[in-house]
Amino acid sequence: MGLIITLLIIWLVLSIIGFVLEGLLWLAIIGLVLFVGTAVWGWVKRKARA
């Protein structure tokens, strides 16, 4: 679970950087996609354990 939280934090930071620096908007989009993908993956894994 620690790995998933770490990845979520990294993707969130990349998204924020992408939105702050207008030239890196593509970084924000990739960061958001990876954030959502990691969150869904973590949620599915957690449900599978229960």
PDB file of N, CA and C in Angstrom:
ATOM      1  N   MET A   1       0.829  -1.190   0.000  1.00  0.00           N
ATOM      2  CA  MET A   1       0.000   0.000   0.000  1.00  0.00           C
ATOM      3  C   MET A   1       0.875   1.256   0.000  1.00  0.00           C
ATOM      4  N   GLY A   2       2.044   1.166   0.584  1.00  0.00           N
ATOM      5  CA  GLY A   2       2.952   2.304   0.621  1.00  0.00           C
ATOM      6  C   GLY A   2       3.409   2.710  -0.762  1.00  0.00           C
ATOM      7  N   LEU A   3       3.619   1.725  -1.631  1.00  0.00           N
ATOM      8  CA  LEU A   3       4.033   2.005  -3.010  1.00  0.00           C
ATOM      9  C   LEU A   3       2.948   2.768  -3.753  1.00  0.00           C
ATOM     10  N   ILE A   4       1.717   2.390  -3.567  1.00  0.00           N
ATOM     11  CA  ILE A   4       0.607   3.050  -4.251  1.00  0.00           C
ATOM     12  C   ILE A   4       0.483   4.503  -3.785  1.00  0.00           C
ATOM     13  N   ILE A   5       0.612   4.726  -2.503  1.00  0.00           N
ATOM     14  CA  ILE A   5       0.531   6.092  -1.980  1.00  0.00           C
ATOM     15  C   ILE A   5       1.684   6.930  -2.504  1.00  0.00           C
ATOM     16  N   THR A   6       2.894   6.354  -2.550  1.00  0.00           N
ATOM     17  CA  THR A   6       4.045   7.065  -3.085  1.00  0.00           C
ATOM     18  C   THR A   6       3.824   7.444  -4.544  1.00  0.00           C
ATOM     19  N   LEU A   7       3.326   6.505  -5.342  1.00  0.00           N
ATOM     20  CA  LEU A   7       3.051   6.791  -6.751  1.00  0.00           C
ATOM     21  C   LEU A   7       1.993   7.881  -6.897  1.00  0.00           C
ATOM     22  N   LEU A   8       0.953   7.828  -6.080  1.00  0.00           N
ATOM     23  CA  LEU A   8      -0.091   8.854  -6.146  1.00  0.00           C
ATOM     24  C   LEU A   8       0.483  10.237  -5.853  1.00  0.00           C
ATOM     25  N   ILE A   9       1.369  10.322  -4.876  1.00  0.00           N
ATOM     26  CA  ILE A   9       1.985  11.611  -4.543  1.00  0.00           C
ATOM     27  C   ILE A   9       2.848  12.103  -5.702  1.00  0.00           C
ATOM     28  N   ILE A  10       3.629  11.196  -6.302  1.00  0.00           N
ATOM     29  CA  ILE A  10       4.486  11.580  -7.431  1.00  0.00           C
ATOM     30  C   ILE A  10       3.642  12.081  -8.591  1.00  0.00           C
ATOM     31  N   TRP A  11       2.571  11.368  -8.939  1.00  0.00           N
ATOM     32  CA  TRP A  11       1.726  11.782 -10.068  1.00  0.00           C
ATOM     33  C   TRP A  11       1.059  13.108  -9.770  1.00  0.00           C
ATOM     34  N   LEU A  12       0.662  13.325  -8.521  1.00  0.00           N
ATOM     35  CA  LEU A  12       0.022  14.586  -8.160  1.00  0.00           C
ATOM     36  C   LEU A  12       1.004  15.753  -8.291  1.00  0.00           C
ATOM     37  N   VAL A  13       2.235  15.570  -7.843  1.00  0.00           N
ATOM     38  CA  VAL A  13       3.252  16.610  -7.963  1.00  0.00           C
ATOM     39  C   VAL A  13       3.537  16.908  -9.432  1.00  0.00           C
ATOM     40  N   LEU A  14       3.656  15.882 -10.257  1.00  0.00           N
ATOM     41  CA  LEU A  14       3.888  16.095 -11.687  1.00  0.00           C
ATOM     42  C   LEU A  14       2.738  16.866 -12.327  1.00  0.00           C
ATOM     43  N   SER A  15       1.526  16.562 -11.922  1.00  0.00           N
ATOM     44  CA  SER A  15       0.367  17.276 -12.470  1.00  0.00           C
ATOM     45  C   SER A  15       0.388  18.740 -12.075  1.00  0.00           C
ATOM     46  N   ILE A  16       0.707  19.020 -10.839  1.00  0.00           N
ATOM     47  CA  ILE A  16       0.758  20.406 -10.374  1.00  0.00           C
ATOM     48  C   ILE A  16       1.842  21.176 -11.125  1.00  0.00           C
ATOM     49  N   ILE A  17       3.007  20.558 -11.282  1.00  0.00           N
ATOM     50  CA  ILE A  17       4.091  21.205 -12.029  1.00  0.00           C
ATOM     51  C   ILE A  17       3.649  21.476 -13.465  1.00  0.00           C
ATOM     52  N   GLY A  18       2.969  20.529 -14.072  1.00  0.00           N
ATOM     53  CA  GLY A  18       2.492  20.692 -15.438  1.00  0.00           C
ATOM     54  C   GLY A  18       1.503  21.838 -15.593  1.00  0.00           C
ATOM     55  N   PHE A  19       0.629  22.015 -14.609  1.00  0.00           N
ATOM     56  CA  PHE A  19      -0.340  23.105 -14.680  1.00  0.00           C
ATOM     57  C   PHE A  19       0.310  24.454 -14.382  1.00  0.00           C
ATOM     58  N   VAL A  20       1.305  24.472 -13.518  1.00  0.00           N
ATOM     59  CA  VAL A  20       1.971  25.729 -13.168  1.00  0.00           C
ATOM     60  C   VAL A  20       2.811  26.241 -14.338  1.00  0.00           C
ATOM     61  N   LEU A  21       3.544  25.352 -14.967  1.00  0.00           N
ATOM     62  CA  LEU A  21       4.376  25.732 -16.113  1.00  0.00           C
ATOM     63  C   LEU A  21       3.593  25.445 -17.382  1.00  0.00           C
ATOM     64  N   GLU A  22       3.116  26.485 -18.025  1.00  0.00           N
ATOM     65  CA  GLU A  22       2.210  26.332 -19.168  1.00  0.00           C
ATOM     66  C   GLU A  22       2.799  25.488 -20.286  1.00  0.00           C
ATOM     67  N   GLY A  23       4.099  25.522 -20.471  1.00  0.00           N
ATOM     68  CA  GLY A  23       4.725  24.749 -21.534  1.00  0.00           C
ATOM     69  C   GLY A  23       4.727  23.254 -21.260  1.00  0.00           C
ATOM     70  N   LEU A  24       4.432  22.887 -20.023  1.00  0.00           N
ATOM     71  CA  LEU A  24       4.442  21.479 -19.650  1.00  0.00           C
ATOM     72  C   LEU A  24       3.028  20.948 -19.378  1.00  0.00           C
ATOM     73  N   LEU A  25       2.086  21.459 -20.135  1.00  0.00           N
ATOM     74  CA  LEU A  25       0.701  21.004 -19.957  1.00  0.00           C
ATOM     75  C   LEU A  25       0.574  19.512 -20.226  1.00  0.00           C
ATOM     76  N   TRP A  26       1.371  18.998 -21.144  1.00  0.00           N
ATOM     77  CA  TRP A  26       1.346  17.564 -21.436  1.00  0.00           C
ATOM     78  C   TRP A  26       1.735  16.762 -20.193  1.00  0.00           C
ATOM     79  N   LEU A  27       2.627  17.313 -19.367  1.00  0.00           N
ATOM     80  CA  LEU A  27       3.033  16.636 -18.140  1.00  0.00           C
ATOM     81  C   LEU A  27       1.864  16.548 -17.165  1.00  0.00           C
ATOM     82  N   ALA A  28       1.061  17.599 -17.108  1.00  0.00           N
ATOM     83  CA  ALA A  28      -0.114  17.602 -16.239  1.00  0.00           C
ATOM     84  C   ALA A  28      -1.116  16.545 -16.678  1.00  0.00           C
ATOM     85  N   ILE A  29      -1.322  16.429 -17.974  1.00  0.00           N
ATOM     86  CA  ILE A  29      -2.283  15.449 -18.484  1.00  0.00           C
ATOM     87  C   ILE A  29      -1.805  14.031 -18.188  1.00  0.00           C
ATOM     88  N   ILE A  30      -0.537  13.769 -18.450  1.00  0.00           N
ATOM     89  CA  ILE A  30       0.019  12.440 -18.168  1.00  0.00           C
ATOM     90  C   ILE A  30      -0.040  12.150 -16.671  1.00  0.00           C
ATOM     91  N   GLY A  31       0.291  13.154 -15.855  1.00  0.00           N
ATOM     92  CA  GLY A  31       0.241  12.974 -14.404  1.00  0.00           C
ATOM     93  C   GLY A  31      -1.155  12.648 -13.913  1.00  0.00           C
ATOM     94  N   LEU A  32      -2.159  13.329 -14.457  1.00  0.00           N
ATOM     95  CA  LEU A  32      -3.541  13.054 -14.054  1.00  0.00           C
ATOM     96  C   LEU A  32      -3.992  11.662 -14.472  1.00  0.00           C
ATOM     97  N   VAL A  33      -3.621  11.261 -15.687  1.00  0.00           N
ATOM     98  CA  VAL A  33      -3.990   9.922 -16.161  1.00  0.00           C
ATOM     99  C   VAL A  33      -3.340   8.852 -15.285  1.00  0.00           C
ATOM    100  N   LEU A  34      -2.066   9.027 -14.980  1.00  0.00           N
ATOM    101  CA  LEU A  34      -1.369   8.061 -14.138  1.00  0.00           C
ATOM    102  C   LEU A  34      -1.915   8.064 -12.711  1.00  0.00           C
ATOM    103  N   PHE A  35      -2.296   9.243 -12.202  1.00  0.00           N
ATOM    104  CA  PHE A  35      -2.878   9.339 -10.868  1.00  0.00           C
ATOM    105  C   PHE A  35      -4.182   8.540 -10.799  1.00  0.00           C
ATOM    106  N   VAL A  36      -5.048   8.763 -11.770  1.00  0.00           N
ATOM    107  CA  VAL A  36      -6.335   8.053 -11.786  1.00  0.00           C
ATOM    108  C   VAL A  36      -6.115   6.550 -11.956  1.00  0.00           C
ATOM    109  N   GLY A  37      -5.205   6.182 -12.862  1.00  0.00           N
ATOM    110  CA  GLY A  37      -4.922   4.758 -13.074  1.00  0.00           C
ATOM    111  C   GLY A  37      -4.386   4.082 -11.826  1.00  0.00           C
ATOM    112  N   THR A  38      -3.489   4.745 -11.124  1.00  0.00           N
ATOM    113  CA  THR A  38      -2.928   4.179  -9.902  1.00  0.00           C
ATOM    114  C   THR A  38      -3.976   4.094  -8.798  1.00  0.00           C
ATOM    115  N   ALA A  39      -4.813   5.110  -8.694  1.00  0.00           N
ATOM    116  CA  ALA A  39      -5.869   5.098  -7.677  1.00  0.00           C
ATOM    117  C   ALA A  39      -6.850   3.956  -7.926  1.00  0.00           C
ATOM    118  N   VAL A  40      -7.240   3.763  -9.164  1.00  0.00           N
ATOM    119  CA  VAL A  40      -8.163   2.669  -9.497  1.00  0.00           C
ATOM    120  C   VAL A  40      -7.504   1.325  -9.233  1.00  0.00           C
ATOM    121  N   TRP A  41      -6.254   1.181  -9.632  1.00  0.00           N
ATOM    122  CA  TRP A  41      -5.530  -0.072  -9.418  1.00  0.00           C
ATOM    123  C   TRP A  41      -5.419  -0.385  -7.918  1.00  0.00           C
ATOM    124  N   GLY A  42      -5.093   0.627  -7.119  1.00  0.00           N
ATOM    125  CA  GLY A  42      -5.004   0.436  -5.674  1.00  0.00           C
ATOM    126  C   GLY A  42      -6.342   0.074  -5.066  1.00  0.00           C
ATOM    127  N   TRP A  43      -7.415   0.683  -5.552  1.00  0.00           N
ATOM    128  CA  TRP A  43      -8.748   0.393  -5.040  1.00  0.00           C
ATOM    129  C   TRP A  43      -9.153  -1.043  -5.373  1.00  0.00           C
ATOM    130  N   VAL A  44      -8.845  -1.493  -6.585  1.00  0.00           N
ATOM    131  CA  VAL A  44      -9.175  -2.859  -6.995  1.00  0.00           C
ATOM    132  C   VAL A  44      -8.373  -3.868  -6.172  1.00  0.00           C
ATOM    133  N   LYS A  45      -7.078  -3.592  -5.986  1.00  0.00           N
ATOM    134  CA  LYS A  45      -6.249  -4.488  -5.188  1.00  0.00           C
ATOM    135  C   LYS A  45      -6.741  -4.563  -3.755  1.00  0.00           C
ATOM    136  N   ARG A  46      -7.163  -3.436  -3.211  1.00  0.00           N
ATOM    137  CA  ARG A  46      -7.646  -3.423  -1.836  1.00  0.00           C
ATOM    138  C   ARG A  46      -8.952  -4.195  -1.698  1.00  0.00           C
ATOM    139  N   LYS A  47      -9.812  -4.067  -2.695  1.00  0.00           N
ATOM    140  CA  LYS A  47     -11.086  -4.803  -2.671  1.00  0.00           C
ATOM    141  C   LYS A  47     -10.843  -6.304  -2.794  1.00  0.00           C
ATOM    142  N   ALA A  48      -9.812  -6.696  -3.546  1.00  0.00           N
ATOM    143  CA  ALA A  48      -9.518  -8.110  -3.735  1.00  0.00           C
ATOM    144  C   ALA A  48      -9.047  -8.758  -2.434  1.00  0.00           C
ATOM    145  N   ARG A  49      -8.380  -7.994  -1.591  1.00  0.00           N
ATOM    146  CA  ARG A  49      -7.899  -8.526  -0.305  1.00  0.00           C
ATOM    147  C   ARG A  49      -9.048  -8.772   0.660  1.00  0.00           C
ATOM    148  N   ALA A  50     -10.051  -7.934   0.620  1.00  0.00           N
ATOM    149  CA  ALA A  50     -11.153  -8.000   1.596  1.00  0.00           C
ATOM    150  C   ALA A  50     -12.110  -9.110   1.327  1.00  0.00           C
TER     151      ALA A  50
END
